[in-house]
Amino acid sequence: MSKIDRAYVSDSTRFLQELEKKPENNQSPARKAEETKYQRINALRDEAKAAAEPSKIWSGF
């Protein structure tokens, strides 16, 4: 039985990784919109603030 090379990276994957590193390839309007969207989502997730007032649901506990 032959050993499987789990660290193998294909030529096409290597090419796409190099293409991704070039700043001129990351400037499309759709890409910028997606980055902005996820920056907002990440900020809302990471900087979540508790409600100022306790809700009525938890008042009896």
Protein backbone atom coordinates (compact mmCIF):
# COMPACT_ATOMS: atom_id res chain seq x y z
CA MET A 1 0.00 0.00 0.00
CA SER A 2 1.43 3.37 -0.98
CA LYS A 3 1.73 6.26 1.41
CA ILE A 4 -0.56 9.23 0.72
CA ASP A 5 1.15 12.61 0.56
CA ARG A 6 -1.19 14.77 2.66
CA ALA A 7 0.89 17.91 2.15
CA TYR A 8 0.55 17.75 -1.65
CA VAL A 9 -0.35 21.02 -3.38
CA SER A 10 -1.35 20.83 -7.01
CA ASP A 11 0.07 23.14 -9.66
CA SER A 12 -3.33 24.77 -10.14
CA THR A 13 -3.70 25.43 -6.40
CA ARG A 14 -0.21 26.90 -6.26
CA PHE A 15 -1.03 29.13 -9.25
CA LEU A 16 -4.25 30.37 -7.62
CA GLN A 17 -2.45 31.06 -4.34
CA GLU A 18 0.14 33.17 -6.15
CA LEU A 19 -2.61 34.98 -8.05
CA GLU A 20 -4.39 35.70 -4.77
CA LYS A 21 -1.28 37.37 -3.32
CA LYS A 22 -1.17 40.04 -6.04
CA PRO A 23 -2.98 43.19 -4.86
CA GLU A 24 -4.27 44.11 -8.33
CA ASN A 25 -6.33 40.89 -8.37
CA ASN A 26 -8.19 41.76 -5.18
CA GLN A 27 -9.77 45.04 -6.29
CA SER A 28 -13.06 44.06 -7.92
CA PRO A 29 -16.19 45.83 -6.64
CA ALA A 30 -17.76 42.50 -5.66
CA ARG A 31 -14.67 41.54 -3.67
CA LYS A 32 -14.63 44.89 -1.86
CA ALA A 33 -18.34 44.58 -1.06
CA GLU A 34 -17.82 41.09 0.31
CA GLU A 35 -14.91 42.21 2.49
CA THR A 36 -16.95 45.14 3.84
CA LYS A 37 -19.90 42.86 4.56
CA TYR A 38 -17.81 40.37 6.50
CA GLN A 39 -15.91 43.08 8.38
CA ARG A 40 -19.29 44.31 9.65
CA ILE A 41 -20.46 40.79 10.53
CA ASN A 42 -17.21 40.03 12.36
CA ALA A 43 -17.39 43.30 14.27
CA LEU A 44 -20.97 42.58 15.36
CA ARG A 45 -19.95 39.09 16.45
CA ASP A 46 -16.74 40.08 18.24
CA GLU A 47 -17.98 43.29 19.86
CA ALA A 48 -21.43 42.12 20.92
CA LYS A 49 -23.05 44.25 23.60
CA ALA A 50 -25.58 43.00 26.08
CA ALA A 51 -28.99 44.63 26.21
CA ALA A 52 -29.07 47.67 28.52
CA GLU A 53 -32.27 46.57 30.23
CA PRO A 54 -33.08 43.04 31.30
CA SER A 55 -35.95 41.64 29.28
CA LYS A 56 -39.30 40.66 30.80
CA ILE A 57 -38.60 37.03 29.98
CA TRP A 58 -35.87 36.80 32.64
CA SER A 59 -37.54 38.94 35.32
CA GLY A 60 -38.84 35.92 37.29
CA PHE A 61 -35.54 34.09 37.50
